[in-house]
PDB file of N, CA and C in Angstrom:
ATOM      1  N   MET A   1     -48.133  36.774 -13.282  1.00  0.00           N
ATOM      2  CA  MET A   1     -46.904  36.491 -13.144  1.00  0.00           C
ATOM      3  C   MET A   1     -46.110  37.797 -12.696  1.00  0.00           C
ATOM      4  N   THR A   2     -44.764  37.778 -11.512  1.00  0.00           N
ATOM      5  CA  THR A   2     -44.304  39.057 -11.823  1.00  0.00           C
ATOM      6  C   THR A   2     -43.073  38.617 -11.631  1.00  0.00           C
ATOM      7  N   SER A   3     -42.213  39.239 -12.732  1.00  0.00           N
ATOM      8  CA  SER A   3     -40.809  38.991 -13.275  1.00  0.00           C
ATOM      9  C   SER A   3     -40.096  39.676 -12.250  1.00  0.00           C
ATOM     10  N   THR A   4     -38.888  38.916 -11.718  1.00  0.00           N
ATOM     11  CA  THR A   4     -37.790  39.859 -10.520  1.00  0.00           C
ATOM     12  C   THR A   4     -36.546  39.686 -11.223  1.00  0.00           C
ATOM     13  N   GLU A   5     -36.665  39.935 -12.721  1.00  0.00           N
ATOM     14  CA  GLU A   5     -35.464  40.203 -13.618  1.00  0.00           C
ATOM     15  C   GLU A   5     -34.294  40.554 -12.334  1.00  0.00           C
ATOM     16  N   ARG A   6     -32.861  40.202 -12.250  1.00  0.00           N
ATOM     17  CA  ARG A   6     -31.680  41.093 -11.917  1.00  0.00           C
ATOM     18  C   ARG A   6     -30.802  41.530 -13.034  1.00  0.00           C
ATOM     19  N   TYR A   7     -30.302  42.600 -12.729  1.00  0.00           N
ATOM     20  CA  TYR A   7     -29.359  43.173 -13.600  1.00  0.00           C
ATOM     21  C   TYR A   7     -27.788  43.679 -13.034  1.00  0.00           C
ATOM     22  N   THR A   8     -26.867  43.430 -13.256  1.00  0.00           N
ATOM     23  CA  THR A   8     -25.769  43.558 -12.843  1.00  0.00           C
ATOM     24  C   THR A   8     -25.392  45.134 -12.585  1.00  0.00           C
ATOM     25  N   SER A   9     -25.731  45.718 -13.627  1.00  0.00           N
ATOM     26  CA  SER A   9     -25.854  47.306 -13.146  1.00  0.00           C
ATOM     27  C   SER A   9     -27.199  48.228 -13.442  1.00  0.00           C
ATOM     28  N   VAL A  10     -27.685  49.378 -13.296  1.00  0.00           N
ATOM     29  CA  VAL A  10     -28.556  49.996 -13.860  1.00  0.00           C
ATOM     30  C   VAL A  10     -28.609  49.915 -15.418  1.00  0.00           C
ATOM     31  N   TRP A  11     -27.112  50.211 -15.710  1.00  0.00           N
ATOM     32  CA  TRP A  11     -26.894  50.522 -17.243  1.00  0.00           C
ATOM     33  C   TRP A  11     -27.682  49.418 -18.174  1.00  0.00           C
ATOM     34  N   ASP A  12     -27.356  48.130 -17.554  1.00  0.00           N
ATOM     35  CA  ASP A  12     -27.675  46.640 -18.187  1.00  0.00           C
ATOM     36  C   ASP A  12     -29.505  46.670 -18.318  1.00  0.00           C
ATOM     37  N   ALA A  13     -30.552  47.330 -17.286  1.00  0.00           N
ATOM     38  CA  ALA A  13     -31.319  47.272 -16.815  1.00  0.00           C
ATOM     39  C   ALA A  13     -31.914  48.046 -17.769  1.00  0.00           C
ATOM     40  N   LEU A  14     -31.404  49.104 -18.450  1.00  0.00           N
ATOM     41  CA  LEU A  14     -31.827  50.901 -19.242  1.00  0.00           C
ATOM     42  C   LEU A  14     -31.746  50.777 -20.927  1.00  0.00           C
ATOM     43  N   GLU A  15     -30.289  49.672 -20.792  1.00  0.00           N
ATOM     44  CA  GLU A  15     -29.924  49.698 -22.668  1.00  0.00           C
ATOM     45  C   GLU A  15     -30.628  48.421 -22.936  1.00  0.00           C
ATOM     46  N   GLU A  16     -30.783  48.130 -23.809  1.00  0.00           N
ATOM     47  CA  GLU A  16     -31.318  46.938 -24.974  1.00  0.00           C
ATOM     48  C   GLU A  16     -30.574  46.241 -25.103  1.00  0.00           C
ATOM     49  N   THR A  17     -28.687  46.651 -25.211  1.00  0.00           N
ATOM     50  CA  THR A  17     -27.899  45.365 -26.083  1.00  0.00           C
ATOM     51  C   THR A  17     -26.902  45.489 -24.989  1.00  0.00           C
ATOM     52  N   PRO A  18     -26.026  44.945 -24.748  1.00  0.00           N
ATOM     53  CA  PRO A  18     -24.564  44.657 -23.552  1.00  0.00           C
ATOM     54  C   PRO A  18     -23.999  46.094 -24.406  1.00  0.00           C
ATOM     55  N   GLY A  19     -23.404  46.019 -25.531  1.00  0.00           N
ATOM     56  CA  GLY A  19     -22.821  47.237 -26.400  1.00  0.00           C
ATOM     57  C   GLY A  19     -23.548  48.682 -25.751  1.00  0.00           C
ATOM     58  N   ALA A  20     -24.666  49.089 -25.580  1.00  0.00           N
ATOM     59  CA  ALA A  20     -25.331  50.461 -25.210  1.00  0.00           C
ATOM     60  C   ALA A  20     -24.970  50.009 -23.980  1.00  0.00           C
ATOM     61  N   ALA A  21     -25.584  49.152 -23.101  1.00  0.00           N
ATOM     62  CA  ALA A  21     -25.029  49.037 -21.483  1.00  0.00           C
ATOM     63  C   ALA A  21     -23.705  49.624 -21.640  1.00  0.00           C
ATOM     64  N   GLU A  22     -22.539  49.407 -21.862  1.00  0.00           N
ATOM     65  CA  GLU A  22     -21.357  49.333 -21.699  1.00  0.00           C
ATOM     66  C   GLU A  22     -20.919  50.551 -21.872  1.00  0.00           C
ATOM     67  N   ASN A  23     -21.621  51.392 -23.367  1.00  0.00           N
ATOM     68  CA  ASN A  23     -20.910  52.350 -23.795  1.00  0.00           C
ATOM     69  C   ASN A  23     -21.454  53.495 -22.514  1.00  0.00           C
ATOM     70  N   MET A  24     -22.652  53.119 -21.707  1.00  0.00           N
ATOM     71  CA  MET A  24     -23.294  54.171 -20.910  1.00  0.00           C
ATOM     72  C   MET A  24     -22.451  54.069 -19.542  1.00  0.00           C
ATOM     73  N   ARG A  25     -22.197  53.185 -19.666  1.00  0.00           N
ATOM     74  CA  ARG A  25     -21.002  52.571 -18.501  1.00  0.00           C
ATOM     75  C   ARG A  25     -19.653  53.473 -18.462  1.00  0.00           C
ATOM     76  N   ILE A  26     -19.454  53.526 -19.510  1.00  0.00           N
ATOM     77  CA  ILE A  26     -18.173  54.380 -19.993  1.00  0.00           C
ATOM     78  C   ILE A  26     -18.629  55.873 -19.657  1.00  0.00           C
ATOM     79  N   ARG A  27     -19.316  56.330 -20.444  1.00  0.00           N
ATOM     80  CA  ARG A  27     -19.911  57.602 -20.320  1.00  0.00           C
ATOM     81  C   ARG A  27     -19.699  57.769 -19.196  1.00  0.00           C
ATOM     82  N   SER A  28     -20.476  57.447 -17.941  1.00  0.00           N
ATOM     83  CA  SER A  28     -20.893  57.711 -16.767  1.00  0.00           C
ATOM     84  C   SER A  28     -19.668  58.064 -16.079  1.00  0.00           C
ATOM     85  N   ALA A  29     -19.082  57.136 -16.189  1.00  0.00           N
ATOM     86  CA  ALA A  29     -17.174  57.023 -15.974  1.00  0.00           C
ATOM     87  C   ALA A  29     -16.584  58.003 -15.553  1.00  0.00           C
ATOM     88  N   LEU A  30     -16.576  58.651 -17.223  1.00  0.00           N
ATOM     89  CA  LEU A  30     -15.981  59.887 -17.949  1.00  0.00           C
ATOM     90  C   LEU A  30     -16.406  60.712 -17.091  1.00  0.00           C
ATOM     91  N   MET A  31     -17.303  60.714 -17.097  1.00  0.00           N
ATOM     92  CA  MET A  31     -18.292  61.797 -16.732  1.00  0.00           C
ATOM     93  C   MET A  31     -17.666  62.353 -15.130  1.00  0.00           C
ATOM     94  N   GLN A  32     -18.207  61.358 -14.226  1.00  0.00           N
ATOM     95  CA  GLN A  32     -17.992  61.086 -12.806  1.00  0.00           C
ATOM     96  C   GLN A  32     -16.568  62.148 -12.304  1.00  0.00           C
ATOM     97  N   GLU A  33     -15.449  61.148 -13.765  1.00  0.00           N
ATOM     98  CA  GLU A  33     -14.052  61.582 -12.881  1.00  0.00           C
ATOM     99  C   GLU A  33     -13.540  63.269 -13.411  1.00  0.00           C
ATOM    100  N   LEU A  34     -15.020  63.373 -14.106  1.00  0.00           N
ATOM    101  CA  LEU A  34     -14.364  65.001 -14.585  1.00  0.00           C
ATOM    102  C   LEU A  34     -15.411  66.008 -14.361  1.00  0.00           C
ATOM    103  N   VAL A  35     -16.503  65.642 -13.732  1.00  0.00           N
ATOM    104  CA  VAL A  35     -16.984  66.462 -12.488  1.00  0.00           C
ATOM    105  C   VAL A  35     -16.532  65.982 -10.828  1.00  0.00           C
ATOM    106  N   ALA A  36     -15.304  65.550 -10.453  1.00  0.00           N
ATOM    107  CA  ALA A  36     -14.866  65.290  -9.496  1.00  0.00           C
ATOM    108  C   ALA A  36     -13.124  65.664  -9.292  1.00  0.00           C
ATOM    109  N   TYR A  37     -12.844  66.229 -10.748  1.00  0.00           N
ATOM    110  CA  TYR A  37     -11.733  66.987 -11.154  1.00  0.00           C
ATOM    111  C   TYR A  37     -11.860  68.917 -11.279  1.00  0.00           C
ATOM    112  N   ILE A  38     -13.496  68.588 -11.582  1.00  0.00           N
ATOM    113  CA  ILE A  38     -13.908  70.357 -11.163  1.00  0.00           C
ATOM    114  C   ILE A  38     -14.043  71.023  -9.320  1.00  0.00           C
ATOM    115  N   ASN A  39     -14.309  69.507  -9.041  1.00  0.00           N
ATOM    116  CA  ASN A  39     -15.068  70.042  -7.900  1.00  0.00           C
ATOM    117  C   ASN A  39     -13.409  69.862  -6.672  1.00  0.00           C
ATOM    118  N   ARG A  40     -12.425  69.374  -7.167  1.00  0.00           N
ATOM    119  CA  ARG A  40     -10.947  68.733  -6.104  1.00  0.00           C
ATOM    120  C   ARG A  40     -10.780  70.045  -6.643  1.00  0.00           C
ATOM    121  N   SER A  41     -10.344  70.536  -7.569  1.00  0.00           N
ATOM    122  CA  SER A  41      -9.870  72.348  -8.371  1.00  0.00           C
ATOM    123  C   SER A  41     -10.787  73.567  -8.037  1.00  0.00           C
ATOM    124  N   GLY A  42     -11.517  73.061  -7.737  1.00  0.00           N
ATOM    125  CA  GLY A  42     -12.599  74.022  -6.943  1.00  0.00           C
ATOM    126  C   GLY A  42     -12.689  75.299  -8.281  1.00  0.00           C
ATOM    127  N   LEU A  43     -13.335  74.591  -9.546  1.00  0.00           N
ATOM    128  CA  LEU A  43     -12.898  75.654 -10.663  1.00  0.00           C
ATOM    129  C   LEU A  43     -14.741  76.159 -10.422  1.00  0.00           C
ATOM    130  N   THR A  44     -15.002  76.899 -10.914  1.00  0.00           N
ATOM    131  CA  THR A  44     -16.308  77.498 -11.467  1.00  0.00           C
ATOM    132  C   THR A  44     -16.356  76.683 -12.928  1.00  0.00           C
ATOM    133  N   GLN A  45     -17.902  76.937 -13.028  1.00  0.00           N
ATOM    134  CA  GLN A  45     -18.104  76.242 -14.843  1.00  0.00           C
ATOM    135  C   GLN A  45     -17.759  77.072 -15.785  1.00  0.00           C
ATOM    136  N   ALA A  46     -17.659  78.097 -15.489  1.00  0.00           N
ATOM    137  CA  ALA A  46     -17.227  79.334 -16.417  1.00  0.00           C
ATOM    138  C   ALA A  46     -15.035  78.786 -16.408  1.00  0.00           C
ATOM    139  N   GLN A  47     -14.746  78.732 -15.241  1.00  0.00           N
ATOM    140  CA  GLN A  47     -13.017  77.748 -15.715  1.00  0.00           C
ATOM    141  C   GLN A  47     -13.157  76.824 -16.127  1.00  0.00           C
ATOM    142  N   ALA A  48     -13.797  76.312 -15.774  1.00  0.00           N
ATOM    143  CA  ALA A  48     -13.675  74.677 -16.030  1.00  0.00           C
ATOM    144  C   ALA A  48     -14.094  74.448 -17.574  1.00  0.00           C
ATOM    145  N   ALA A  49     -14.817  75.828 -17.977  1.00  0.00           N
ATOM    146  CA  ALA A  49     -15.189  75.033 -19.459  1.00  0.00           C
ATOM    147  C   ALA A  49     -13.615  75.468 -20.602  1.00  0.00           C
ATOM    148  N   ARG A  50     -13.749  77.344 -19.843  1.00  0.00           N
ATOM    149  CA  ARG A  50     -12.323  77.370 -20.185  1.00  0.00           C
ATOM    150  C   ARG A  50     -11.031  76.626 -20.175  1.00  0.00           C
ATOM    151  N   LYS A  51     -11.198  75.674 -19.737  1.00  0.00           N
ATOM    152  CA  LYS A  51      -9.911  74.952 -19.344  1.00  0.00           C
ATOM    153  C   LYS A  51      -9.876  73.770 -20.177  1.00  0.00           C
ATOM    154  N   PHE A  52     -11.451  73.378 -20.546  1.00  0.00           N
ATOM    155  CA  PHE A  52     -12.101  72.028 -21.224  1.00  0.00           C
ATOM    156  C   PHE A  52     -12.265  72.690 -22.619  1.00  0.00           C
ATOM    157  N   GLY A  53     -11.868  74.080 -23.072  1.00  0.00           N
ATOM    158  CA  GLY A  53     -12.704  73.854 -24.203  1.00  0.00           C
ATOM    159  C   GLY A  53     -13.856  73.900 -24.888  1.00  0.00           C
ATOM    160  N   VAL A  54     -14.809  73.908 -24.070  1.00  0.00           N
ATOM    161  CA  VAL A  54     -16.352  73.863 -23.879  1.00  0.00           C
ATOM    162  C   VAL A  54     -16.857  75.190 -23.496  1.00  0.00           C
ATOM    163  N   THR A  55     -17.932  75.087 -23.830  1.00  0.00           N
ATOM    164  CA  THR A  55     -18.712  76.547 -23.185  1.00  0.00           C
ATOM    165  C   THR A  55     -19.098  75.898 -21.486  1.00  0.00           C
ATOM    166  N   GLN A  56     -19.932  77.120 -20.840  1.00  0.00           N
ATOM    167  CA  GLN A  56     -20.190  77.095 -19.466  1.00  0.00           C
ATOM    168  C   GLN A  56     -21.524  75.951 -19.690  1.00  0.00           C
ATOM    169  N   PRO A  57     -22.217  76.405 -20.727  1.00  0.00           N
ATOM    170  CA  PRO A  57     -23.526  75.481 -20.636  1.00  0.00           C
ATOM    171  C   PRO A  57     -23.495  74.122 -20.537  1.00  0.00           C
ATOM    172  N   ARG A  58     -22.047  73.485 -21.404  1.00  0.00           N
ATOM    173  CA  ARG A  58     -21.863  72.587 -21.832  1.00  0.00           C
ATOM    174  C   ARG A  58     -21.673  72.017 -20.488  1.00  0.00           C
ATOM    175  N   ILE A  59     -20.506  72.664 -19.780  1.00  0.00           N
ATOM    176  CA  ILE A  59     -20.153  72.153 -17.849  1.00  0.00           C
ATOM    177  C   ILE A  59     -21.147  71.679 -16.819  1.00  0.00           C
ATOM    178  N   SER A  60     -22.490  72.795 -17.317  1.00  0.00           N
ATOM    179  CA  SER A  60     -23.834  72.531 -16.691  1.00  0.00           C
ATOM    180  C   SER A  60     -24.008  71.026 -16.876  1.00  0.00           C
ATOM    181  N   ASP A  61     -24.473  71.168 -18.352  1.00  0.00           N
ATOM    182  CA  ASP A  61     -25.224  69.168 -18.967  1.00  0.00           C
ATOM    183  C   ASP A  61     -24.211  68.720 -17.915  1.00  0.00           C
ATOM    184  N   LEU A  62     -22.737  68.872 -18.138  1.00  0.00           N
ATOM    185  CA  LEU A  62     -21.700  67.518 -16.960  1.00  0.00           C
ATOM    186  C   LEU A  62     -22.255  67.682 -16.238  1.00  0.00           C
ATOM    187  N   THR A  63     -21.881  68.640 -15.601  1.00  0.00           N
ATOM    188  CA  THR A  63     -22.699  68.848 -13.961  1.00  0.00           C
ATOM    189  C   THR A  63     -24.126  68.041 -13.428  1.00  0.00           C
ATOM    190  N   ARG A  64     -24.722  68.287 -14.205  1.00  0.00           N
ATOM    191  CA  ARG A  64     -25.764  67.746 -14.027  1.00  0.00           C
ATOM    192  C   ARG A  64     -26.185  66.560 -14.674  1.00  0.00           C
ATOM    193  N   GLY A  65     -25.465  65.870 -14.910  1.00  0.00           N
ATOM    194  CA  GLY A  65     -25.166  64.044 -15.407  1.00  0.00           C
ATOM    195  C   GLY A  65     -25.778  64.025 -16.652  1.00  0.00           C
ATOM    196  N   LYS A  66     -26.117  64.752 -17.537  1.00  0.00           N
ATOM    197  CA  LYS A  66     -26.949  64.826 -18.788  1.00  0.00           C
ATOM    198  C   LYS A  66     -26.399  63.968 -19.700  1.00  0.00           C
ATOM    199  N   ILE A  67     -25.940  62.462 -19.829  1.00  0.00           N
ATOM    200  CA  ILE A  67     -25.212  61.927 -19.756  1.00  0.00           C
ATOM    201  C   ILE A  67     -25.498  61.610 -22.028  1.00  0.00           C
ATOM    202  N   ASP A  68     -26.416  61.723 -22.016  1.00  0.00           N
ATOM    203  CA  ASP A  68     -27.358  61.277 -23.358  1.00  0.00           C
ATOM    204  C   ASP A  68     -26.726  62.590 -24.305  1.00  0.00           C
ATOM    205  N   LEU A  69     -26.079  63.480 -23.683  1.00  0.00           N
ATOM    206  CA  LEU A  69     -25.753  64.999 -24.336  1.00  0.00           C
ATOM    207  C   LEU A  69     -24.358  64.259 -24.723  1.00  0.00           C
ATOM    208  N   PHE A  70     -23.232  63.074 -24.380  1.00  0.00           N
ATOM    209  CA  PHE A  70     -21.648  63.271 -24.454  1.00  0.00           C
ATOM    210  C   PHE A  70     -21.777  61.968 -25.196  1.00  0.00           C
ATOM    211  N   SER A  71     -20.554  62.110 -25.735  1.00  0.00           N
ATOM    212  CA  SER A  71     -19.553  60.878 -26.383  1.00  0.00           C
ATOM    213  C   SER A  71     -18.956  60.983 -26.080  1.00  0.00           C
ATOM    214  N   ILE A  72     -18.016  59.401 -26.109  1.00  0.00           N
ATOM    215  CA  ILE A  72     -16.788  59.287 -25.286  1.00  0.00           C
ATOM    216  C   ILE A  72     -15.900  59.891 -26.169  1.00  0.00           C
ATOM    217  N   ASP A  73     -15.965  60.110 -27.273  1.00  0.00           N
ATOM    218  CA  ASP A  73     -14.938  61.075 -27.824  1.00  0.00           C
ATOM    219  C   ASP A  73     -15.120  62.539 -27.116  1.00  0.00           C
ATOM    220  N   ALA A  74     -15.970  63.041 -26.968  1.00  0.00           N
ATOM    221  CA  ALA A  74     -16.164  64.288 -26.474  1.00  0.00           C
ATOM    222  C   ALA A  74     -15.419  64.921 -25.032  1.00  0.00           C
ATOM    223  N   LEU A  75     -15.877  62.962 -24.027  1.00  0.00           N
ATOM    224  CA  LEU A  75     -15.593  63.632 -22.549  1.00  0.00           C
ATOM    225  C   LEU A  75     -13.920  62.767 -22.566  1.00  0.00           C
ATOM    226  N   VAL A  76     -13.611  62.372 -23.655  1.00  0.00           N
ATOM    227  CA  VAL A  76     -11.907  61.871 -23.539  1.00  0.00           C
ATOM    228  C   VAL A  76     -10.918  63.263 -24.048  1.00  0.00           C
ATOM    229  N   ASN A  77     -11.542  63.590 -25.005  1.00  0.00           N
ATOM    230  CA  ASN A  77     -10.895  65.391 -25.388  1.00  0.00           C
ATOM    231  C   ASN A  77     -11.190  66.586 -23.972  1.00  0.00           C
ATOM    232  N   MET A  78     -12.352  66.581 -23.329  1.00  0.00           N
ATOM    233  CA  MET A  78     -12.307  67.035 -21.994  1.00  0.00           C
ATOM    234  C   MET A  78     -11.101  66.773 -21.251  1.00  0.00           C
ATOM    235  N   LEU A  79     -11.223  65.535 -20.870  1.00  0.00           N
ATOM    236  CA  LEU A  79     -10.164  65.040 -19.929  1.00  0.00           C
ATOM    237  C   LEU A  79      -8.720  65.255 -20.071  1.00  0.00           C
ATOM    238  N   THR A  80      -8.677  65.063 -21.637  1.00  0.00           N
ATOM    239  CA  THR A  80      -7.254  65.329 -22.246  1.00  0.00           C
ATOM    240  C   THR A  80      -6.849  66.894 -21.887  1.00  0.00           C
ATOM    241  N   ALA A  81      -8.286  67.992 -22.401  1.00  0.00           N
ATOM    242  CA  ALA A  81      -7.745  69.363 -22.254  1.00  0.00           C
ATOM    243  C   ALA A  81      -7.494  69.250 -20.620  1.00  0.00           C
ATOM    244  N   ALA A  82      -8.045  69.048 -19.403  1.00  0.00           N
ATOM    245  CA  ALA A  82      -7.932  68.934 -18.067  1.00  0.00           C
ATOM    246  C   ALA A  82      -6.577  68.940 -18.041  1.00  0.00           C
ATOM    247  N   GLY A  83      -5.812  67.709 -18.672  1.00  0.00           N
ATOM    248  CA  GLY A  83      -4.647  67.711 -18.496  1.00  0.00           C
ATOM    249  C   GLY A  83      -4.325  66.691 -17.009  1.00  0.00           C
ATOM    250  N   LEU A  84      -5.464  65.258 -17.724  1.00  0.00           N
ATOM    251  CA  LEU A  84      -5.805  64.197 -17.078  1.00  0.00           C
ATOM    252  C   LEU A  84      -5.252  63.266 -17.927  1.00  0.00           C
ATOM    253  N   HIS A  85      -4.788  61.947 -17.405  1.00  0.00           N
ATOM    254  CA  HIS A  85      -4.708  60.543 -18.904  1.00  0.00           C
ATOM    255  C   HIS A  85      -5.300  59.352 -18.248  1.00  0.00           C
ATOM    256  N   LEU A  86      -6.243  59.131 -18.982  1.00  0.00           N
ATOM    257  CA  LEU A  86      -7.418  57.937 -19.089  1.00  0.00           C
ATOM    258  C   LEU A  86      -6.425  56.418 -19.575  1.00  0.00           C
ATOM    259  N   ASP A  87      -6.352  55.877 -18.500  1.00  0.00           N
ATOM    260  CA  ASP A  87      -5.753  54.555 -18.266  1.00  0.00           C
ATOM    261  C   ASP A  87      -6.884  53.286 -18.787  1.00  0.00           C
ATOM    262  N   LEU A  88      -6.641  52.593 -19.929  1.00  0.00           N
ATOM    263  CA  LEU A  88      -7.667  51.539 -19.967  1.00  0.00           C
ATOM    264  C   LEU A  88      -7.209  50.170 -20.142  1.00  0.00           C
ATOM    265  N   ARG A  89      -8.100  49.490 -19.665  1.00  0.00           N
ATOM    266  CA  ARG A  89      -8.109  48.165 -19.466  1.00  0.00           C
ATOM    267  C   ARG A  89      -9.114  47.483 -19.719  1.00  0.00           C
ATOM    268  N   VAL A  90      -9.168  46.295 -20.538  1.00  0.00           N
ATOM    269  CA  VAL A  90      -9.809  45.718 -21.087  1.00  0.00           C
ATOM    270  C   VAL A  90      -9.581  44.075 -20.969  1.00  0.00           C
ATOM    271  N   ARG A  91     -10.808  43.283 -20.278  1.00  0.00           N
ATOM    272  CA  ARG A  91     -10.969  42.249 -19.607  1.00  0.00           C
ATOM    273  C   ARG A  91     -12.270  40.871 -19.977  1.00  0.00           C
ATOM    274  N   GLU A  92     -12.339  39.783 -19.556  1.00  0.00           N
ATOM    275  CA  GLU A  92     -12.584  38.987 -20.372  1.00  0.00           C
ATOM    276  C   GLU A  92     -14.451  39.980 -19.588  1.00  0.00           C
ATOM    277  N   ALA A  93     -15.500  39.535 -19.998  1.00  0.00           N
ATOM    278  CA  ALA A  93     -16.764  39.804 -19.414  1.00  0.00           C
ATOM    279  C   ALA A  93     -17.302  38.768 -18.252  1.00  0.00           C
ATOM    280  N   SER A  94     -17.742  39.016 -17.446  1.00  0.00           N
ATOM    281  CA  SER A  94     -17.624  37.825 -16.158  1.00  0.00           C
ATOM    282  C   SER A  94     -18.818  36.890 -16.632  1.00  0.00           C
TER     283      SER A  94
END
Protein backbone atom coordinates (compact mmCIF):
# COMPACT_ATOMS: atom_id res chain seq x y z
CA MET A 1 0.00 0.00 0.00
CA THR A 2 1.35 3.44 -0.96
CA SER A 3 0.93 6.43 1.35
CA THR A 4 0.07 9.75 -0.30
CA GLU A 5 0.00 11.88 2.79
CA ARG A 6 -0.39 15.60 2.05
CA TYR A 7 1.22 18.39 4.06
CA THR A 8 0.54 22.11 4.28
CA SER A 9 4.24 22.91 3.96
CA VAL A 10 7.58 21.22 3.49
CA TRP A 11 8.32 21.88 7.16
CA ASP A 12 5.24 19.92 8.21
CA ALA A 13 6.54 16.97 6.17
CA LEU A 14 10.07 17.18 7.56
CA GLU A 15 9.50 17.89 11.24
CA GLU A 16 8.15 15.57 13.91
CA THR A 17 5.88 18.07 15.68
CA PRO A 18 3.80 21.10 14.68
CA GLY A 19 5.95 23.25 17.01
CA ALA A 20 9.18 22.20 15.31
CA ALA A 21 7.62 22.83 11.88
CA GLU A 22 6.50 26.32 12.94
CA ASN A 23 9.97 27.09 14.31
CA MET A 24 11.53 26.10 10.98
CA ARG A 25 8.96 28.14 9.05
CA ILE A 26 9.78 31.24 11.11
CA ARG A 27 13.54 30.78 10.80
CA SER A 28 13.23 30.25 7.06
CA ALA A 29 11.19 33.45 6.62
CA LEU A 30 13.67 35.49 8.70
CA MET A 31 16.61 34.12 6.75
CA GLN A 32 14.92 34.96 3.44
CA GLU A 33 14.36 38.53 4.60
CA LEU A 34 17.99 38.93 5.62
CA VAL A 35 19.28 37.55 2.32
CA ALA A 36 16.87 39.79 0.40
CA TYR A 37 18.15 42.79 2.39
CA ILE A 38 21.76 41.89 1.57
CA ASN A 39 20.93 41.58 -2.12
CA ARG A 40 18.83 44.78 -2.21
CA SER A 41 21.56 46.73 -0.48
CA GLY A 42 24.31 45.35 -2.70
CA LEU A 43 26.36 44.37 0.34
CA THR A 44 29.27 41.97 0.13
CA GLN A 45 29.33 39.19 2.69
CA ALA A 46 32.06 41.05 4.60
CA GLN A 47 30.01 44.27 4.66
CA ALA A 48 26.88 42.41 5.75
CA ALA A 49 28.87 40.68 8.50
CA ARG A 50 30.10 44.01 9.87
CA LYS A 51 26.61 45.50 9.70
CA PHE A 52 24.96 42.48 11.36
CA GLY A 53 27.71 42.07 13.98
CA VAL A 54 28.68 38.56 12.90
CA THR A 55 31.51 36.90 10.98
CA GLN A 56 31.69 36.57 7.20
CA PRO A 57 31.42 32.74 7.41
CA ARG A 58 28.17 33.28 9.33
CA ILE A 59 26.81 35.34 6.42
CA SER A 60 27.94 32.60 4.04
CA ASP A 61 25.94 30.08 6.11
CA LEU A 62 22.95 32.44 5.96
CA THR A 63 23.08 32.91 2.19
CA ARG A 64 23.55 29.17 1.67
CA GLY A 65 20.39 28.46 3.68
CA LYS A 66 22.00 26.54 6.54
CA ILE A 67 18.88 26.90 8.66
CA ASP A 68 20.01 24.43 11.33
CA LEU A 69 22.84 26.84 12.30
CA PHE A 70 20.53 29.74 13.24
CA SER A 71 18.19 30.31 16.15
CA ILE A 72 15.25 32.69 15.99
CA ASP A 73 17.08 34.89 18.53
CA ALA A 74 20.20 35.13 16.37
CA LEU A 75 18.15 36.00 13.29
CA VAL A 76 16.16 38.69 15.12
CA ASN A 77 19.43 40.19 16.39
CA MET A 78 20.77 40.29 12.83
CA LEU A 79 17.56 41.92 11.55
CA THR A 80 17.79 44.57 14.24
CA ALA A 81 21.47 45.22 13.51
CA ALA A 82 20.53 45.70 9.85
CA GLY A 83 18.04 48.39 10.87
CA LEU A 84 15.04 46.23 10.06
CA HIS A 85 11.93 45.85 12.21
CA LEU A 86 9.96 42.64 12.63
CA ASP A 87 6.17 42.86 12.85
CA LEU A 88 4.55 39.91 14.59
CA ARG A 89 1.07 38.60 13.92
CA VAL A 90 -0.42 35.62 15.72
CA ARG A 91 -3.56 33.96 14.38
CA GLU A 92 -5.60 30.81 14.82
CA ALA A 93 -4.21 27.76 13.02
CA SER A 94 -6.25 26.78 9.98
